[in-house]
């Protein structure tokens, strides 16, 4: 039991998402991790977390936008366009016009 708890602590400290009682990743934690990675310009982590968050919450336009931003920063422009088009499907992240 102690080794399992230690493994979970290390996993979480290394950037793993917190798991809720339902066994799913915590969207609030993922959103905070995504924002922190973008602020730190840690694009690899931002893309990893962004993909996890959009898989968990495919209706989260903000997460799609942030994923597209991180992909763009990595120079993965084709992937960034796909993420930004997905973000544009949601009213909060849709452009005006």
Protein backbone atom coordinates (compact mmCIF):
# COMPACT_ATOMS: atom_id res chain seq x y z
CA UNK A 1 0.00 0.00 0.00
CA UNK A 2 2.81 2.38 0.89
CA UNK A 3 4.56 1.85 -2.46
CA UNK A 4 1.31 2.51 -4.33
CA UNK A 5 0.82 5.79 -2.46
CA UNK A 6 4.43 6.79 -3.12
CA UNK A 7 4.04 5.99 -6.83
CA UNK A 8 0.88 8.12 -7.01
CA UNK A 9 2.62 10.99 -5.23
CA UNK A 10 5.58 10.86 -7.62
CA UNK A 11 3.28 10.59 -10.65
CA UNK A 12 1.27 13.61 -9.53
CA UNK A 13 4.37 15.64 -8.74
CA UNK A 14 5.73 14.89 -12.21
CA UNK A 15 2.72 16.44 -13.86
CA UNK A 16 0.19 13.64 -13.85
CA UNK A 17 -3.42 14.71 -13.60
CA UNK A 18 -5.29 14.12 -10.39
CA UNK A 19 -7.75 11.30 -10.67
CA UNK A 20 -11.22 11.74 -9.27
CA UNK A 21 -13.27 9.11 -7.51
CA UNK A 22 -14.78 8.09 -10.85
CA UNK A 23 -11.31 7.14 -12.14
CA UNK A 24 -11.16 10.00 -14.64
CA UNK A 25 -8.67 12.84 -14.79
CA UNK A 26 -9.70 16.06 -13.03
CA UNK A 27 -10.58 18.64 -15.73
CA UNK A 28 -9.90 21.58 -13.39
CA UNK A 29 -6.41 20.28 -12.65
CA UNK A 30 -5.77 19.66 -16.34
CA UNK A 31 -6.95 23.19 -17.22
CA UNK A 32 -4.64 24.67 -14.58
CA UNK A 33 -1.74 22.51 -15.80
CA UNK A 34 -2.41 23.56 -19.41
CA UNK A 35 -2.44 27.25 -18.52
CA UNK A 36 0.74 26.88 -16.44
CA UNK A 37 2.52 25.07 -19.28
CA UNK A 38 1.53 27.79 -21.75
CA UNK A 39 2.63 30.53 -19.35
CA UNK A 40 5.99 28.77 -18.95
CA UNK A 41 6.20 28.25 -22.72
CA UNK A 42 6.58 24.52 -22.11
CA UNK A 43 4.99 23.60 -25.42
CA UNK A 44 5.56 19.85 -25.18
CA UNK A 45 3.72 19.69 -21.86
CA UNK A 46 1.02 22.08 -23.10
CA UNK A 47 0.33 19.87 -26.11
CA UNK A 48 0.29 16.70 -23.98
CA UNK A 49 -2.08 18.19 -21.40
CA UNK A 50 -4.16 19.92 -24.08
CA UNK A 51 -4.70 16.64 -25.89
CA UNK A 52 -5.67 14.94 -22.62
CA UNK A 53 -8.10 17.72 -21.72
CA UNK A 54 -9.74 17.84 -25.16
CA UNK A 55 -10.13 14.06 -25.09
CA UNK A 56 -11.79 14.31 -21.69
CA UNK A 57 -13.88 17.37 -22.60
CA UNK A 58 -14.31 17.53 -26.39
CA UNK A 59 -16.83 20.40 -25.94
CA UNK A 60 -14.23 22.63 -24.22
CA UNK A 61 -13.56 25.30 -26.84
CA UNK A 62 -11.00 27.04 -24.67
CA UNK A 63 -8.96 23.85 -24.36
CA UNK A 64 -9.06 23.38 -28.14
CA UNK A 65 -7.89 26.97 -28.61
CA UNK A 66 -5.04 26.55 -26.12
CA UNK A 67 -4.02 23.26 -27.75
CA UNK A 68 -3.95 25.01 -31.13
CA UNK A 69 -1.85 27.83 -29.66
CA UNK A 70 0.68 25.35 -28.24
CA UNK A 71 0.83 23.38 -31.49
CA UNK A 72 1.37 26.63 -33.41
CA UNK A 73 4.21 27.56 -31.04
CA UNK A 74 5.82 24.19 -31.82
CA UNK A 75 5.58 24.88 -35.54
CA UNK A 76 3.02 22.09 -36.05
CA UNK A 77 0.83 24.32 -38.16
CA UNK A 78 -1.36 21.67 -39.81
CA UNK A 79 -2.26 20.23 -36.40
CA UNK A 80 -2.78 23.75 -35.01
CA UNK A 81 -5.28 24.54 -37.78
CA UNK A 82 -7.28 21.42 -36.93
CA UNK A 83 -7.41 22.39 -33.23
CA UNK A 84 -8.33 26.01 -34.00
CA UNK A 85 -11.10 24.93 -36.37
CA UNK A 86 -12.45 22.72 -33.60
CA UNK A 87 -12.29 25.68 -31.17
CA UNK A 88 -14.21 27.80 -33.67
CA UNK A 89 -17.18 25.43 -33.38
CA UNK A 90 -17.91 26.78 -29.89
CA UNK A 91 -19.47 30.17 -29.29
CA UNK A 92 -17.02 31.35 -26.56
CA UNK A 93 -14.02 30.80 -28.87
CA UNK A 94 -15.67 31.61 -32.21
CA UNK A 95 -14.44 34.75 -33.97
CA UNK A 96 -16.82 37.64 -34.40
CA UNK A 97 -17.86 38.42 -37.90
